[in-house]
Protein backbone atom coordinates (compact mmCIF):
# COMPACT_ATOMS: atom_id res chain seq x y z
CA MET A 1 -50.17 -116.92 95.14
CA ILE A 2 -48.71 -116.28 91.76
CA ASN A 3 -47.83 -112.57 91.36
CA LYS A 4 -49.53 -110.47 88.60
CA ALA A 5 -46.76 -110.31 86.25
CA ILE A 6 -46.41 -114.36 86.17
CA GLY A 7 -49.87 -114.61 86.07
CA ALA A 8 -50.39 -112.30 83.04
CA ALA A 9 -47.36 -114.32 81.27
CA LEU A 10 -48.88 -117.62 81.67
CA LEU A 11 -52.05 -116.33 80.37
CA SER A 12 -50.69 -114.74 77.43
CA ALA A 13 -48.63 -118.03 76.72
CA CYS A 14 -51.67 -119.97 77.01
CA LEU A 15 -53.73 -117.82 74.67
CA ASN A 16 -50.88 -117.67 72.24
CA VAL A 17 -50.35 -121.55 71.89
CA GLN A 18 -51.35 -122.63 68.30
CA ALA A 19 -52.75 -126.15 68.32
CA ALA A 20 -50.27 -129.05 66.85
CA PRO A 21 -51.19 -129.45 63.12
CA LEU A 22 -53.52 -132.49 62.36
CA SER A 23 -51.73 -135.49 61.33
CA ASN A 24 -52.53 -136.85 57.83
CA ARG A 25 -54.66 -139.55 59.48
CA GLN A 26 -56.88 -137.00 61.19
CA VAL A 27 -57.24 -134.80 58.52
CA VAL A 28 -58.67 -137.89 56.41
CA LEU A 29 -61.01 -139.03 59.00
CA GLU A 30 -62.31 -135.42 60.18
CA PHE A 31 -62.91 -134.96 56.34
CA ILE A 32 -64.78 -138.29 56.09
CA HIS A 33 -66.79 -137.42 59.28
CA LEU A 34 -67.77 -134.09 58.29
CA ALA A 35 -68.44 -134.96 54.52
CA PHE A 36 -70.13 -138.06 54.57
CA THR A 37 -71.40 -138.72 58.57
CA GLU A 38 -72.54 -134.98 58.98
CA LYS A 39 -73.25 -134.82 55.31
CA GLN A 40 -71.52 -131.13 54.99
CA LEU A 41 -69.56 -131.53 51.93
CA ARG A 42 -69.05 -128.05 51.41
CA PRO A 43 -67.22 -127.27 54.82
CA ALA A 44 -65.25 -130.62 54.77
CA PHE A 45 -63.90 -129.60 51.11
CA GLU A 46 -63.17 -126.16 52.30
CA ARG A 47 -61.29 -127.10 55.25
CA TYR A 48 -59.48 -130.47 54.56
CA VAL A 49 -59.06 -130.41 50.60
CA ALA A 50 -56.47 -128.39 48.34
CA PRO A 51 -58.26 -126.54 45.46
CA SER A 52 -55.85 -128.31 43.03
CA TYR A 53 -57.83 -131.68 44.21
CA ILE A 54 -57.08 -134.55 41.64
CA GLN A 55 -59.36 -137.16 41.24
CA HIS A 56 -58.66 -140.58 40.04
CA ASN A 57 -61.81 -142.42 39.90
CA PRO A 58 -63.12 -142.25 36.09
CA ASN A 59 -66.88 -141.30 36.88
CA ALA A 60 -65.94 -138.07 38.81
CA PRO A 61 -64.08 -134.92 37.58
CA ASP A 62 -60.96 -133.17 39.11
CA GLY A 63 -61.42 -129.85 41.45
CA THR A 64 -63.33 -129.25 44.68
CA VAL A 65 -66.04 -127.51 42.92
CA ALA A 66 -66.75 -130.19 40.86
CA ALA A 67 -66.16 -132.80 43.35
CA ILE A 68 -68.93 -131.22 45.60
CA GLN A 69 -71.10 -131.11 42.90
CA PHE A 70 -70.57 -134.96 42.02
CA LEU A 71 -71.14 -136.02 45.61
CA GLU A 72 -74.04 -133.65 46.27
CA GLY A 73 -75.86 -135.28 43.62
CA PHE A 74 -75.10 -138.59 45.01
CA GLN A 75 -76.06 -137.58 48.80
CA GLN A 76 -79.34 -136.31 47.06
CA GLN A 77 -80.12 -139.63 45.44
CA PHE A 78 -79.17 -141.39 48.55
CA PRO A 79 -79.94 -139.18 51.89
CA ASP A 80 -79.90 -142.48 54.04
CA ALA A 81 -76.31 -143.41 52.46
CA ARG A 82 -73.57 -144.40 54.98
CA TYR A 83 -69.94 -144.37 55.03
CA ASP A 84 -68.69 -146.52 57.71
CA VAL A 85 -64.71 -146.94 58.34
CA GLN A 86 -63.58 -150.02 59.39
CA ARG A 87 -59.57 -149.55 59.22
CA VAL A 88 -57.35 -146.72 58.78
CA ALA A 89 -53.30 -147.21 57.69
CA SER A 90 -51.11 -144.51 56.77
CA GLU A 91 -47.63 -144.28 55.59
CA ASP A 92 -45.88 -140.80 54.83
CA ASP A 93 -48.53 -138.53 52.94
CA LEU A 94 -50.88 -141.37 51.97
CA VAL A 95 -53.69 -142.54 54.04
CA PHE A 96 -55.71 -145.59 53.13
CA VAL A 97 -58.95 -146.12 54.35
CA HIS A 98 -61.18 -149.39 54.22
CA VAL A 99 -64.93 -148.59 54.27
CA HIS A 100 -68.34 -150.23 54.14
CA ALA A 101 -70.53 -148.10 52.27
CA ARG A 102 -74.17 -148.29 51.77
CA THR A 103 -76.99 -146.26 50.12
CA SER A 104 -79.65 -147.42 52.72
CA ALA A 105 -79.89 -149.57 55.72
CA ASP A 106 -81.14 -152.68 53.81
CA ASP A 107 -78.29 -152.25 51.08
CA PRO A 108 -75.72 -154.81 51.74
CA GLY A 109 -73.09 -152.20 50.28
CA ILE A 110 -69.87 -152.21 48.74
CA ALA A 111 -66.24 -152.40 50.30
CA VAL A 112 -64.23 -149.18 49.40
CA VAL A 113 -60.62 -148.75 49.65
CA ASP A 114 -59.87 -145.08 49.46
CA ILE A 115 -56.36 -143.81 49.05
CA PHE A 116 -55.59 -140.13 49.93
CA ARG A 117 -52.50 -138.31 49.22
CA LEU A 118 -52.06 -135.24 51.34
CA GLU A 119 -50.11 -132.25 50.64
CA ASN A 120 -49.24 -129.18 53.34
CA GLY A 121 -52.02 -130.86 55.39
CA ARG A 122 -54.85 -130.89 52.85
CA ILE A 123 -56.14 -133.79 50.95
CA ALA A 124 -54.51 -133.56 47.42
CA GLU A 125 -55.45 -136.66 45.55
CA HIS A 126 -57.86 -139.33 45.77
CA TRP A 127 -57.75 -143.14 44.36
CA ASP A 128 -60.49 -145.66 44.99
CA VAL A 129 -61.25 -149.31 44.39
CA LEU A 130 -64.80 -150.54 44.80
CA GLN A 131 -66.09 -154.18 45.44
CA PRO A 132 -69.70 -155.27 45.82
CA VAL A 133 -70.57 -156.85 49.03
CA PRO A 134 -71.55 -160.70 47.99
CA GLU A 135 -74.54 -162.52 49.16
CA LYS A 136 -72.31 -165.62 49.79
CA SER A 137 -68.89 -165.97 49.94
CA VAL A 138 -66.73 -168.99 48.98
CA SER A 139 -64.29 -168.38 51.77
CA ALA A 140 -65.75 -168.25 55.16
CA HIS A 141 -64.00 -164.74 55.69
CA PRO A 142 -66.07 -161.38 55.82
CA LEU A 143 -65.06 -158.56 53.63
CA PHE A 144 -65.02 -156.74 56.98
């Protein structure tokens, strides 16, 4: 039987253990899940995005408040939109995500490559490249 002093010390140590910080890859995947699968944009941005967020998409503004407003409009217009991650790669402060994005179940969608730069465990910058999914392909290789 563990004596009371050792038991108290073990309990104290367990309660004071802090979770290891998330990897950049985990931050991005958790952000995507919360923002686009759970459609909880505000909590996702509050938790995972830096207040000084820089957006390189020419159709979207900088800053978290503006990004949330922009994406809320999209989610309201397309409530059945899907954002299915196909591949993820990361290097240093960058995370690359290959996504099949669709506005509805019958939409062939677009292939998206999102690039996120993280700073201090938060998304600080974003780029994206979009390509419509074609009905037919010259090559026999799918986009996903």
